[in-house]
Each structure stands twice: as structure tokens, then as C-alpha cells.
Amino acid sequence: MVHERKLLDDVSGWLRVYDDGSVDRTWTGPPEVKFVAEPVPAHEEFVDGVAVKDIVVNEKSGLRARIYLPEKKLDEHDKFPILLHFHGGGFCISEADWYMYYHMYTRLARSARVICVSAFLRRAPEHRLPAAVDDGYSTLLWLRSSAQETQDPWLKERADFNRVFLIGDSSGGNLVHEVAARAGKIDLSPLRLAGGIPIHPGFVRSKRSKSEVEQPQSPLLTLDMVDKFLGFALPAGCTKDHPITCPMGSSAPPLEELNLPPLLLCIAENDLVIDTEMEYYEAMKKANKEVELLISHGMGHSFYLNKIAVDLDPNTAAQTDNLIAGIKGFINKH
């Protein structure tokens, strides 16, 4: 007799979990937005000024990364800073090669004149936290070993290992904090961690914030996603007050004791989790950490990844331009 698997949970069209442990991440929401979650093949030739290739970072674990390389201009003589990118998705969905990241990080590489290295992070519920943190940290250590003896020709010829920045969207913003905190405990030389850029990080508490109740939901972040994704991702028995999701909380290491690089915290005015993001910002300032704030007015969570809105809505396009300009300015200062 064939056992018919039973659906246990369906999260906002993004994720289905079955009783046999299998997970289906096929998008079942509006078909017109499906393309943002489609993988984009790598291309080692330059397309619109950026070349892209996928590499294996760790042969033993199979950890991979995608590299975005901007085409060098005739008058450019300096090497490019490195952005180490951690994708979002509530630790449960998305991949480094999805179109939503491809369109954003090719643009950022081209505009900010940076090499972007985007890690393919393990996802929950198959791999609960801290698996994604471990993968992000391992990719940073791989960059350190590359700085010591570079094997990849793109990095050897073009990368400035003295200016490495961590950047992450949504839950990837949580990883910026976590990986930076780990990195602050070791000697990364000859690599230098110059800064961190958490964009709309998924900082939350067990108790719902005012913004979670009052702000509008969107396909890129619903309360269903906040609750269920974190339920799948956090270590068994843990709540949202866990240090990875609430680094400013009492369960987390005191911020004063962390050795963190300068941070550019990017938030959106209409984000569901803006209240707890601001709580993190205030806690960082109180701990005398170097942190700047970049606010995207009138925007919701991860708005710049919605290619349709960026193309069709002038305000979304303008706020995306401002976000990229702010990131570029932060990199140039450090």
C-alpha cells in the first residue's frame, strides 16, 4: 500500500512541509511574480558590465557561493572591495541564484564597483539554525584563506581583501550581525572586515511589536512567514527571543562586549519589523557601537527585490536608487 503524504503546513505560498519530512518550495502565489524566485544561470562572460560564476567554497561540506564581478573600466586601477552577501528568506526559502538577487546584486556590483560573493546558505526546516550562520562564517573564513593564497583568478586579480563588507537582506541581515560577532573573536588577517550592512534585518521578539500589528503585509513578508519560518528555523524549543533573532535581547551576548565593525543599518518605513529594528539601532548606539541609519520612506520589507515594483513605480525606483547610493557611500567611506 502506497502511503500518501499529508500536508502539515503551507506558508504564504512559499513553502509546504509534509508529514514524511519532505519540503516543497515551489511558488504557488500569483504566477506573475514567480519569475523573481527562478534561478538565473551563471555567465562568465560580461553581460551589462557584470560576469557571474558559481564556485565550491568547501569541498567537504559542498558549500557554494556565487561571484559577481564588475567589468573593469579603462580608468580604473584600484582593486574592488568585496561584499559578502547572505540571502534572506526567513532562513527557510530563497537561494543565492534567484532572479530577485541577481537583478539587485549585478546592479550593486556595477554601481558600487564591488565584487559580490553570495553564499548558498543551508535552509530550514531541513537545517535548523545555526546552520546558516555556520555557512556564512565558513564563507568568510574561505575569503580569509583566499587572501592568504588566492586560488580563484577573479579574486586574485581584482579583489581588495583589505575592504571586505558583510551585507544581507532580511534574515540575511541577522547573519551580518552574527557572522560579524563571531569574526570579532579571531584574527582575520590579511583580510580586514571593513563594515556590515544589514538590510531590513529580521530582528523580532516573542511579543508582537506595534509595527507587526499595524503595518501592511506583503508577499515578501507576512506575519505567517515571520511566525512559521522562525518556528521551523530556530533550534528546537527556542522562541523568537533567541540571540540570532533578538540580538538586542537579554538572552543575547551584551552588545558592549562584541567587537563589531562599523554598520549601516538599512530599514524601510513601512516594514512589519521596523519597531524591533529600531530597538536594535538604539541598543547599538547605547553600547557605543558605530552604526548609521538609512531609512527608505514609504517602503515595505525588501521592496528593492520586487523587480515589478522597481520597474513600474517611480517612488520604489527612486528609493531603490537611494538605497544603492547609500550603500555605495558607506563602502567608499570605509
Foldseek 3Di string as FASTA:
>chain_A
DDDDWAWDDDFLQQWTATPVGDIDRQRPPDPVQNQQQDFDAFAQDDDPQWGKDKDQLDPVVRKIKMKIAGHDDPPDDAFAEEEEEEEDQLLADGFCRGNLNVVQVNVLCHVLVHMYIYIGFHGPLVAAPPRRLVSSLSNLLSVLVCQVPNDDPRCVVHYDQQQYEYEYAALRLLSQVVSQQVVQVDDSPPGHHAEYEYANYQADFQDFDPLLVPFDADSVDHVSSNPVSNCSHHPPPDGCLDCSRHVLDPNHDQLLPGDGHAYEYEYEPRESCVVSSVVVVVSCVVSVGHYHYHYLYPDYGPLSSRVVCCVPPPSSVVSSVVVSVVVSVVSVVD
